[in-house]
N, C-alpha and C. Protein backbone atom coordinates (compact mmCIF):
# COMPACT_ATOMS: atom_id res chain seq x y z
N GLY A 1 15.82 -12.80 1.37
CA GLY A 1 14.49 -11.98 1.23
C GLY A 1 14.19 -11.71 -0.29
N MET A 2 13.34 -10.95 -0.49
CA MET A 2 12.92 -10.75 -1.60
C MET A 2 13.78 -9.13 -2.12
N THR A 3 14.06 -9.23 -3.19
CA THR A 3 14.70 -7.96 -3.40
C THR A 3 13.46 -6.68 -3.68
N ARG A 4 13.79 -5.40 -3.39
CA ARG A 4 13.38 -4.32 -3.78
C ARG A 4 12.23 -4.43 -5.21
N ARG A 5 12.93 -4.68 -5.97
CA ARG A 5 11.80 -4.90 -7.18
C ARG A 5 11.20 -6.19 -7.62
N ALA A 6 11.63 -6.82 -6.85
CA ALA A 6 10.54 -8.14 -6.62
C ALA A 6 9.61 -8.04 -5.97
N PHE A 7 9.85 -6.89 -4.76
CA PHE A 7 8.36 -6.55 -3.68
C PHE A 7 7.73 -6.39 -4.43
N ALA A 8 8.14 -5.35 -5.16
CA ALA A 8 7.52 -4.31 -5.73
C ALA A 8 6.84 -4.83 -7.44
N ASP A 9 7.24 -5.88 -7.98
CA ASP A 9 6.51 -6.79 -8.98
C ASP A 9 5.39 -7.11 -8.37
N ALA A 10 5.86 -7.98 -7.01
CA ALA A 10 4.70 -8.92 -6.59
C ALA A 10 3.53 -8.14 -5.98
N TYR A 11 3.71 -7.06 -5.11
CA TYR A 11 2.89 -6.67 -4.45
C TYR A 11 2.21 -4.90 -4.84
N GLY A 12 3.21 -4.18 -6.06
CA GLY A 12 2.72 -3.11 -6.39
C GLY A 12 1.80 -3.19 -7.39
N PRO A 13 1.39 -1.82 -7.96
CA PRO A 13 1.96 -0.76 -7.82
C PRO A 13 2.04 0.34 -6.69
N TRP A 14 0.71 0.40 -6.22
CA TRP A 14 0.18 0.87 -5.12
C TRP A 14 -0.48 -0.22 -3.97
N ALA A 15 -0.15 0.44 -2.87
CA ALA A 15 -0.70 0.02 -1.51
C ALA A 15 -1.70 0.65 -1.03
N LEU A 16 -2.53 0.05 -0.21
CA LEU A 16 -3.52 0.63 0.60
C LEU A 16 -3.09 -0.08 2.37
N VAL A 17 -2.92 1.15 2.93
CA VAL A 17 -2.65 0.73 4.50
C VAL A 17 -3.97 1.51 5.50
N ALA A 18 -4.38 0.55 6.02
CA ALA A 18 -5.78 1.33 6.71
C ALA A 18 -5.23 1.47 8.51
N GLY A 19 -5.74 2.49 8.79
CA GLY A 19 -5.01 3.06 9.91
C GLY A 19 -3.55 3.11 9.81
N GLY A 20 -2.97 3.48 8.78
CA GLY A 20 -1.60 4.32 8.25
C GLY A 20 -1.32 5.27 8.70
N SER A 21 -1.80 6.02 9.72
CA SER A 21 -0.84 7.28 10.20
C SER A 21 -0.17 6.91 11.20
N GLU A 22 -0.48 6.16 12.30
CA GLU A 22 0.59 5.94 13.33
C GLU A 22 1.14 4.40 14.01
N GLY A 23 2.08 4.36 14.43
CA GLY A 23 2.18 3.26 15.21
C GLY A 23 2.31 2.10 13.89
N ILE A 24 2.09 1.05 14.31
CA ILE A 24 2.01 -0.28 13.22
C ILE A 24 1.87 0.03 11.88
N GLY A 25 0.83 1.02 11.47
CA GLY A 25 0.56 1.33 10.35
C GLY A 25 1.30 2.07 9.55
N ALA A 26 2.10 3.09 10.55
CA ALA A 26 2.84 3.60 9.95
C ALA A 26 4.52 2.77 9.52
N ALA A 27 4.60 2.41 10.55
CA ALA A 27 5.73 1.32 10.08
C ALA A 27 5.47 0.28 8.96
N PHE A 28 4.31 -0.06 9.05
CA PHE A 28 3.97 -0.70 7.57
C PHE A 28 4.03 -0.01 6.21
N ALA A 29 3.44 1.09 6.64
CA ALA A 29 3.70 2.42 5.21
C ALA A 29 4.87 2.77 4.84
N ASP A 30 6.09 2.86 5.74
CA ASP A 30 7.70 3.09 5.74
C ASP A 30 8.02 2.13 4.93
N GLU A 31 8.12 0.69 5.71
CA GLU A 31 8.30 -0.37 4.67
C GLU A 31 8.08 -0.73 3.11
N ILE A 32 6.91 -0.44 2.85
CA ILE A 32 6.09 -0.78 1.92
C ILE A 32 6.86 0.23 1.26
N ALA A 33 6.88 1.82 1.42
CA ALA A 33 7.22 2.41 0.67
C ALA A 33 9.22 2.58 0.51
N ARG A 34 9.70 2.27 1.15
CA ARG A 34 10.98 1.86 1.44
C ARG A 34 11.28 1.02 -0.04
N ARG A 35 10.31 0.35 -0.26
CA ARG A 35 10.07 -0.94 -1.34
C ARG A 35 10.10 -0.39 -2.85
N GLY A 36 9.77 0.71 -2.87
CA GLY A 36 9.25 1.62 -3.90
C GLY A 36 8.36 1.27 -4.56
N ILE A 37 6.78 1.13 -3.52
CA ILE A 37 5.08 1.31 -3.86
C ILE A 37 4.84 2.49 -3.35
N ASP A 38 4.05 2.92 -3.99
CA ASP A 38 3.06 4.45 -3.76
C ASP A 38 1.84 3.71 -2.98
N LEU A 39 1.38 4.72 -1.70
CA LEU A 39 0.40 4.26 -0.60
C LEU A 39 -0.69 5.08 -1.04
N VAL A 40 -1.75 4.49 -0.36
CA VAL A 40 -3.25 5.00 -0.11
C VAL A 40 -3.17 5.21 1.63
N LEU A 41 -2.75 6.17 2.26
CA LEU A 41 -2.99 5.90 3.68
C LEU A 41 -4.46 5.96 4.21
N VAL A 42 -5.21 5.50 5.04
CA VAL A 42 -6.62 5.82 5.49
C VAL A 42 -6.39 5.75 7.11
N ALA A 43 -6.95 6.69 7.65
CA ALA A 43 -7.45 6.97 9.00
C ALA A 43 -8.41 7.53 9.44
N ARG A 44 -8.86 8.19 10.34
CA ARG A 44 -9.68 8.73 10.58
C ARG A 44 -9.49 10.32 11.09
N ARG A 45 -8.24 10.65 11.78
CA ARG A 45 -7.53 12.04 11.98
C ARG A 45 -6.76 12.22 11.45
N SER A 46 -6.92 13.57 10.29
CA SER A 46 -6.30 14.00 9.21
C SER A 46 -4.97 14.25 9.20
N ASP A 47 -4.68 15.16 10.82
CA ASP A 47 -3.38 15.63 11.40
C ASP A 47 -2.25 14.24 10.84
N PRO A 48 -2.37 13.42 11.80
CA PRO A 48 -1.45 12.58 11.55
C PRO A 48 -1.36 11.60 10.49
N LEU A 49 -2.40 11.63 9.45
CA LEU A 49 -2.31 11.20 8.53
C LEU A 49 -1.86 11.92 7.52
N GLU A 50 -1.99 13.42 7.29
CA GLU A 50 -1.32 14.31 6.36
C GLU A 50 -0.07 14.39 7.02
N ARG A 51 0.37 14.41 8.66
CA ARG A 51 2.10 14.48 8.52
C ARG A 51 3.15 13.05 8.10
N THR A 52 2.35 12.21 8.40
CA THR A 52 3.09 10.52 8.02
C THR A 52 2.87 10.53 6.12
N ALA A 53 2.10 11.19 5.87
CA ALA A 53 2.15 11.19 4.57
C ALA A 53 3.11 12.25 3.70
N ALA A 54 3.50 13.16 4.39
CA ALA A 54 4.34 13.89 3.99
C ALA A 54 5.51 13.42 4.48
N ARG A 55 5.92 13.08 5.34
CA ARG A 55 7.13 12.65 5.62
C ARG A 55 7.60 11.64 4.50
N LEU A 56 6.55 10.88 3.93
CA LEU A 56 6.78 9.29 3.48
C LEU A 56 7.51 10.37 1.91
N ARG A 57 6.75 10.96 1.50
CA ARG A 57 6.84 11.72 0.28
C ARG A 57 8.11 12.88 0.06
N ALA A 58 8.15 12.72 1.08
CA ALA A 58 9.56 13.42 1.33
C ALA A 58 10.86 12.17 1.60
N GLU A 59 10.87 11.20 2.00
CA GLU A 59 11.92 10.70 2.56
C GLU A 59 12.15 9.18 1.68
N ARG A 60 11.18 8.50 1.31
CA ARG A 60 10.74 7.73 0.37
C ARG A 60 10.29 7.65 -1.10
N ALA A 61 10.38 9.29 -1.06
CA ALA A 61 10.27 9.39 -2.73
C ALA A 61 9.20 8.67 -3.76
N VAL A 62 7.79 8.77 -2.80
CA VAL A 62 6.97 7.60 -3.59
C VAL A 62 5.57 8.80 -3.80
N GLN A 63 4.48 8.46 -4.24
CA GLN A 63 3.13 9.30 -4.12
C GLN A 63 2.66 8.63 -3.01
N VAL A 64 1.92 9.03 -2.12
CA VAL A 64 0.96 9.27 -1.39
C VAL A 64 -0.39 10.07 -1.25
N ARG A 65 -1.67 9.00 -1.52
CA ARG A 65 -2.78 9.49 -1.63
C ARG A 65 -3.43 9.01 0.03
N THR A 66 -3.65 10.25 0.38
CA THR A 66 -4.97 10.12 1.98
C THR A 66 -5.91 10.24 1.59
N VAL A 67 -6.73 9.31 2.46
CA VAL A 67 -8.01 9.17 2.75
C VAL A 67 -8.52 9.36 4.48
N SER A 68 -9.14 10.42 4.89
CA SER A 68 -9.57 10.75 6.21
C SER A 68 -10.96 9.89 6.22
N ALA A 69 -10.72 8.78 6.73
CA ALA A 69 -12.84 8.39 6.85
C ALA A 69 -12.67 7.26 8.03
N ASP A 70 -13.57 7.16 8.68
CA ASP A 70 -14.22 6.35 9.41
C ASP A 70 -14.53 5.26 8.66
N LEU A 71 -13.85 3.74 9.09
CA LEU A 71 -13.86 2.72 8.06
C LEU A 71 -14.91 2.13 9.23
N ALA A 72 -15.47 1.84 10.19
CA ALA A 72 -16.42 1.31 10.66
C ALA A 72 -17.86 1.52 9.98
N ASP A 73 -17.98 3.08 9.75
CA ASP A 73 -18.97 3.98 8.71
C ASP A 73 -18.60 3.34 7.52
N PRO A 74 -20.08 2.53 6.73
CA PRO A 74 -19.85 2.31 5.32
C PRO A 74 -19.69 3.68 4.26
N ALA A 75 -20.08 4.98 4.95
CA ALA A 75 -19.69 6.15 4.00
C ALA A 75 -18.09 6.08 4.21
N GLY A 76 -17.50 5.77 5.12
CA GLY A 76 -16.10 5.75 5.08
C GLY A 76 -15.61 4.76 4.12
N LEU A 77 -15.75 3.25 4.14
CA LEU A 77 -15.59 2.82 3.03
C LEU A 77 -16.14 2.92 1.89
N ALA A 78 -17.06 3.58 1.33
CA ALA A 78 -16.94 4.27 -0.09
C ALA A 78 -15.99 5.07 -0.40
N ALA A 79 -15.84 6.03 0.52
CA ALA A 79 -14.79 6.77 0.61
C ALA A 79 -13.47 6.17 -0.34
N VAL A 80 -13.31 5.42 0.58
CA VAL A 80 -11.90 4.41 -0.13
C VAL A 80 -12.05 3.96 -1.14
N ARG A 81 -12.91 3.50 -1.72
CA ARG A 81 -13.41 2.75 -2.82
C ARG A 81 -12.96 3.71 -4.21
N GLU A 82 -14.00 5.35 -3.84
CA GLU A 82 -14.31 5.84 -4.37
C GLU A 82 -12.68 6.87 -5.12
N ALA A 83 -11.71 6.78 -3.78
CA ALA A 83 -10.52 7.29 -3.85
C ALA A 83 -9.40 6.67 -4.34
N THR A 84 -9.64 5.08 -4.38
CA THR A 84 -9.07 4.25 -5.13
C THR A 84 -9.32 3.38 -6.42
N ALA A 85 -10.64 3.73 -7.14
CA ALA A 85 -11.13 3.82 -8.18
C ALA A 85 -10.12 3.79 -9.38
N ASP A 86 -8.91 4.24 -9.89
CA ASP A 86 -8.39 4.53 -10.95
C ASP A 86 -6.75 3.99 -10.26
N LEU A 87 -6.93 3.39 -9.38
CA LEU A 87 -5.31 3.02 -8.59
C LEU A 87 -5.63 1.13 -8.77
N PRO A 88 -4.16 0.53 -9.30
CA PRO A 88 -4.03 -0.92 -9.58
C PRO A 88 -3.61 -1.24 -7.73
N VAL A 89 -4.69 -1.53 -7.00
CA VAL A 89 -3.64 -1.61 -5.39
C VAL A 89 -3.73 -2.91 -5.14
N GLY A 90 -2.29 -3.49 -5.18
CA GLY A 90 -1.49 -5.06 -5.39
C GLY A 90 -1.55 -5.27 -3.71
N LEU A 91 -1.74 -4.57 -3.10
CA LEU A 91 -1.37 -4.86 -1.05
C LEU A 91 -1.88 -4.15 -0.24
N LEU A 92 -3.19 -5.01 0.33
CA LEU A 92 -3.86 -4.68 1.53
C LEU A 92 -3.25 -4.35 3.13
N VAL A 93 -2.93 -3.62 3.62
CA VAL A 93 -2.92 -4.15 5.01
C VAL A 93 -4.09 -3.24 6.07
N ALA A 94 -5.01 -4.50 6.62
CA ALA A 94 -5.80 -4.26 7.14
C ALA A 94 -5.04 -3.60 8.95
N ASN A 95 -5.06 -2.69 9.30
CA ASN A 95 -4.51 -2.45 10.33
C ASN A 95 -5.49 -1.80 11.14
N ALA A 96 -6.39 -1.14 10.83
CA ALA A 96 -7.08 0.21 11.80
C ALA A 96 -7.70 -0.69 12.61
N ALA A 97 -8.01 -0.27 13.61
CA ALA A 97 -8.92 -0.78 15.04
C ALA A 97 -9.23 0.32 16.15
N ILE A 98 -10.23 -0.42 16.92
CA ILE A 98 -10.61 0.19 18.00
C ILE A 98 -10.76 -0.55 19.08
N ILE A 99 -9.91 -0.24 19.97
CA ILE A 99 -9.59 -0.39 21.32
C ILE A 99 -10.77 -0.32 22.69
N PRO A 100 -11.45 -1.28 22.65
CA PRO A 100 -12.74 -0.88 23.62
C PRO A 100 -11.99 -1.23 25.05
N THR A 101 -11.75 -0.39 26.11
CA THR A 101 -10.90 -1.30 27.22
C THR A 101 -11.90 -0.90 28.77
N GLY A 102 -11.59 -1.46 29.35
CA GLY A 102 -12.32 -2.10 30.72
C GLY A 102 -13.51 -2.32 30.56
N SER A 103 -14.05 -3.17 31.65
CA SER A 103 -15.39 -3.62 31.29
C SER A 103 -16.37 -3.73 30.53
N PHE A 104 -16.50 -4.81 29.93
CA PHE A 104 -17.65 -5.70 28.99
C PHE A 104 -18.86 -5.09 29.77
N LEU A 105 -19.38 -5.63 30.49
CA LEU A 105 -20.44 -5.10 30.85
C LEU A 105 -21.16 -4.06 30.89
N ALA A 106 -19.93 -2.77 31.40
CA ALA A 106 -20.00 -1.54 31.22
C ALA A 106 -19.74 -0.82 30.08
N ALA A 107 -19.87 -1.46 29.04
CA ALA A 107 -18.89 -0.61 27.76
C ALA A 107 -20.72 -0.73 27.14
N PRO A 108 -20.85 0.74 26.36
CA PRO A 108 -21.73 1.24 25.58
C PRO A 108 -22.06 0.22 24.19
N ALA A 109 -23.49 -0.10 24.31
CA ALA A 109 -23.46 -1.23 23.27
C ALA A 109 -22.76 -0.55 21.96
N THR A 110 -22.75 0.75 21.57
CA THR A 110 -22.32 1.27 20.42
C THR A 110 -20.91 1.20 20.26
N GLU A 111 -20.36 1.21 21.73
CA GLU A 111 -18.98 0.88 21.36
C GLU A 111 -18.21 -0.53 21.04
N ILE A 112 -18.89 -1.81 21.31
CA ILE A 112 -19.12 -2.59 21.36
C ILE A 112 -18.92 -3.06 19.66
N ALA A 113 -20.41 -2.58 19.41
CA ALA A 113 -20.60 -2.52 17.47
C ALA A 113 -19.38 -1.87 17.03
N GLY A 114 -19.67 -0.69 17.20
CA GLY A 114 -18.02 -0.12 16.65
C GLY A 114 -17.07 -0.45 16.68
N ALA A 115 -16.67 -1.24 17.57
CA ALA A 115 -15.17 -2.33 17.68
C ALA A 115 -15.02 -3.37 16.21
N ILE A 116 -16.93 -4.17 16.34
CA ILE A 116 -16.67 -5.16 15.44
C ILE A 116 -16.70 -4.69 14.20
N ASP A 117 -17.66 -3.93 14.20
CA ASP A 117 -17.49 -2.69 12.56
C ASP A 117 -16.01 -2.81 11.99
N LEU A 118 -15.39 -1.92 12.92
CA LEU A 118 -14.43 -1.64 12.32
C LEU A 118 -13.20 -2.77 12.15
N ASN A 119 -12.90 -3.34 13.55
CA ASN A 119 -11.54 -4.38 13.57
C ASN A 119 -11.85 -5.38 12.55
N CYS A 120 -13.82 -5.96 12.45
CA CYS A 120 -13.96 -7.35 11.73
C CYS A 120 -14.62 -7.01 10.84
N LEU A 121 -15.68 -6.38 10.62
CA LEU A 121 -16.47 -5.88 9.05
C LEU A 121 -15.65 -4.89 8.04
N ALA A 122 -15.05 -3.77 8.47
CA ALA A 122 -14.27 -3.26 7.53
C ALA A 122 -13.00 -4.21 6.63
N SER A 123 -12.19 -4.74 7.87
CA SER A 123 -11.11 -5.54 7.44
C SER A 123 -11.54 -6.74 5.90
N THR A 124 -12.70 -7.05 6.30
CA THR A 124 -13.01 -8.17 5.32
C THR A 124 -13.72 -7.70 4.00
N LEU A 125 -14.22 -6.41 4.33
CA LEU A 125 -15.44 -5.59 3.19
C LEU A 125 -13.78 -5.08 2.33
N LEU A 126 -12.76 -4.75 2.64
CA LEU A 126 -12.16 -3.90 2.04
C LEU A 126 -10.95 -4.88 1.58
N ALA A 127 -11.09 -6.54 2.32
CA ALA A 127 -10.42 -7.43 1.30
C ALA A 127 -11.64 -8.04 0.21
N HIS A 128 -12.50 -8.17 0.43
CA HIS A 128 -13.61 -8.66 -0.57
C HIS A 128 -13.59 -7.13 -1.78
N HIS A 129 -13.42 -6.27 -1.93
CA HIS A 129 -13.35 -5.28 -2.56
C HIS A 129 -12.11 -5.37 -3.59
N PHE A 130 -10.40 -5.52 -2.61
CA PHE A 130 -9.45 -5.42 -3.59
C PHE A 130 -8.86 -6.77 -4.28
N LEU A 131 -9.69 -7.88 -3.39
CA LEU A 131 -8.68 -8.77 -3.74
C LEU A 131 -9.42 -9.62 -5.26
N PRO A 132 -10.78 -9.37 -5.93
CA PRO A 132 -10.25 -9.92 -7.36
C PRO A 132 -9.93 -9.61 -8.47
N ALA A 133 -9.38 -7.77 -7.90
CA ALA A 133 -8.29 -7.81 -8.84
C ALA A 133 -7.41 -7.98 -8.90
N MET A 134 -6.61 -8.66 -7.49
CA MET A 134 -5.73 -9.18 -7.52
C MET A 134 -5.48 -10.24 -7.96
N ALA A 135 -6.52 -10.95 -7.95
CA ALA A 135 -6.59 -12.20 -8.17
C ALA A 135 -6.60 -12.12 -9.94
N GLU A 136 -7.31 -11.96 -10.61
CA GLU A 136 -6.92 -11.46 -11.78
C GLU A 136 -6.00 -10.96 -12.74
N ARG A 137 -4.72 -10.47 -12.09
CA ARG A 137 -3.51 -9.89 -12.23
C ARG A 137 -2.70 -10.89 -11.65
N GLY A 138 -3.24 -12.07 -10.93
CA GLY A 138 -2.69 -13.34 -10.51
C GLY A 138 -1.24 -12.63 -9.56
N ARG A 139 -1.30 -11.70 -8.79
CA ARG A 139 -0.37 -11.34 -7.81
C ARG A 139 -0.90 -10.35 -6.77
N GLY A 140 -0.33 -10.29 -5.69
CA GLY A 140 -1.11 -9.23 -4.80
C GLY A 140 -0.88 -9.68 -3.62
N GLY A 141 -1.75 -9.28 -2.50
CA GLY A 141 -1.48 -9.39 -1.13
C GLY A 141 -2.44 -8.81 0.16
N VAL A 142 -2.95 -9.47 1.31
CA VAL A 142 -3.69 -8.87 2.15
C VAL A 142 -3.08 -9.15 2.98
N ILE A 143 -2.47 -8.47 4.28
CA ILE A 143 -2.16 -8.54 5.39
C ILE A 143 -3.37 -8.18 6.64
N PHE A 144 -3.91 -9.00 7.09
CA PHE A 144 -4.60 -8.58 8.54
C PHE A 144 -4.26 -8.82 10.00
N VAL A 145 -3.76 -7.66 10.16
CA VAL A 145 -2.47 -7.23 11.82
C VAL A 145 -3.72 -7.79 13.06
N SER A 146 -3.57 -8.74 13.62
CA SER A 146 -4.09 -9.60 14.81
C SER A 146 -3.74 -9.47 16.05
N SER A 147 -3.39 -9.32 17.33
CA SER A 147 -2.85 -9.20 18.25
C SER A 147 -2.59 -10.58 18.89
N LEU A 148 -1.56 -10.89 20.21
CA LEU A 148 -1.94 -11.60 20.80
C LEU A 148 -3.42 -11.46 21.49
N ALA A 149 -3.68 -10.46 21.84
CA ALA A 149 -4.71 -10.51 22.49
C ALA A 149 -6.15 -11.38 21.80
N GLY A 150 -6.02 -11.98 20.87
CA GLY A 150 -6.91 -12.52 19.68
C GLY A 150 -6.69 -13.86 20.06
N LEU A 151 -5.34 -14.43 20.89
CA LEU A 151 -5.43 -15.69 20.87
C LEU A 151 -5.90 -16.03 22.79
N GLN A 152 -6.28 -15.24 23.25
CA GLN A 152 -6.65 -15.74 24.72
C GLN A 152 -7.40 -14.35 25.05
N GLY A 153 -8.65 -14.24 25.76
CA GLY A 153 -9.38 -13.69 26.99
C GLY A 153 -8.29 -13.12 27.67
N VAL A 154 -8.69 -11.59 27.57
CA VAL A 154 -8.05 -10.33 28.33
C VAL A 154 -8.35 -9.78 29.02
N PRO A 155 -8.36 -9.65 30.30
CA PRO A 155 -9.40 -8.63 31.11
C PRO A 155 -9.29 -7.35 30.72
N GLY A 156 -10.48 -6.86 30.59
CA GLY A 156 -10.45 -5.45 30.49
C GLY A 156 -10.77 -5.15 28.97
N LEU A 157 -10.17 -6.51 28.25
CA LEU A 157 -10.41 -6.27 26.42
C LEU A 157 -11.03 -7.21 26.03
N ALA A 158 -12.45 -7.65 26.42
CA ALA A 158 -12.94 -8.77 26.04
C ALA A 158 -13.63 -8.54 24.52
N ALA A 159 -14.00 -7.44 23.82
CA ALA A 159 -14.69 -7.10 22.73
C ALA A 159 -13.35 -7.36 22.07
N TYR A 160 -12.09 -6.38 22.39
CA TYR A 160 -11.09 -6.65 21.61
C TYR A 160 -10.09 -7.50 21.42
N SER A 161 -10.50 -8.86 22.28
CA SER A 161 -10.14 -9.93 21.96
C SER A 161 -10.56 -11.00 21.21
N ALA A 162 -11.82 -10.46 21.24
CA ALA A 162 -13.00 -11.14 20.41
C ALA A 162 -12.47 -10.91 18.93
N THR A 163 -12.80 -9.57 18.75
CA THR A 163 -12.44 -9.18 17.20
C THR A 163 -11.32 -9.40 16.51
N LYS A 164 -9.90 -9.65 17.35
CA LYS A 164 -8.64 -9.76 17.22
C LYS A 164 -8.41 -11.48 16.75
N SER A 165 -9.52 -12.44 17.52
CA SER A 165 -9.63 -13.40 17.38
C SER A 165 -10.20 -14.37 15.92
N TYR A 166 -11.32 -12.93 15.38
CA TYR A 166 -11.92 -13.21 13.93
C TYR A 166 -10.68 -12.78 12.97
């Protein structure tokens, strides 16, 4: 595998993890911090976000910025751009997702639109924002977190499956 130094040289000095406060996103954040890269964590709920940030600062001795924002909202994406304007972000982990469950026919249109806005549009726009600087530096990476649900239709997860296929 890649050494800690080689990883940091290829993907540092900063990484952004969208949906980085809990679950898979927090696991990505921990592994990235373990490799010596400073972090920007983005999530809607500030309490879990701040808890994860504090833990990483203490356990991994990295800098962690937090952005409490709804990435399905253009204002949330703007907040991320503003919070990272001075940072060389070399790794983007697009992990934030909404999972509408239940009958597709019974789901409110706003819930379906929100899932598409977050799971598809926000990830794409984050990549579009951060990739040019990575390309200019000649290094960096983007990870789009998918799901097995994206490979097949799943009863009760129609919209989520479709967005993860995207």
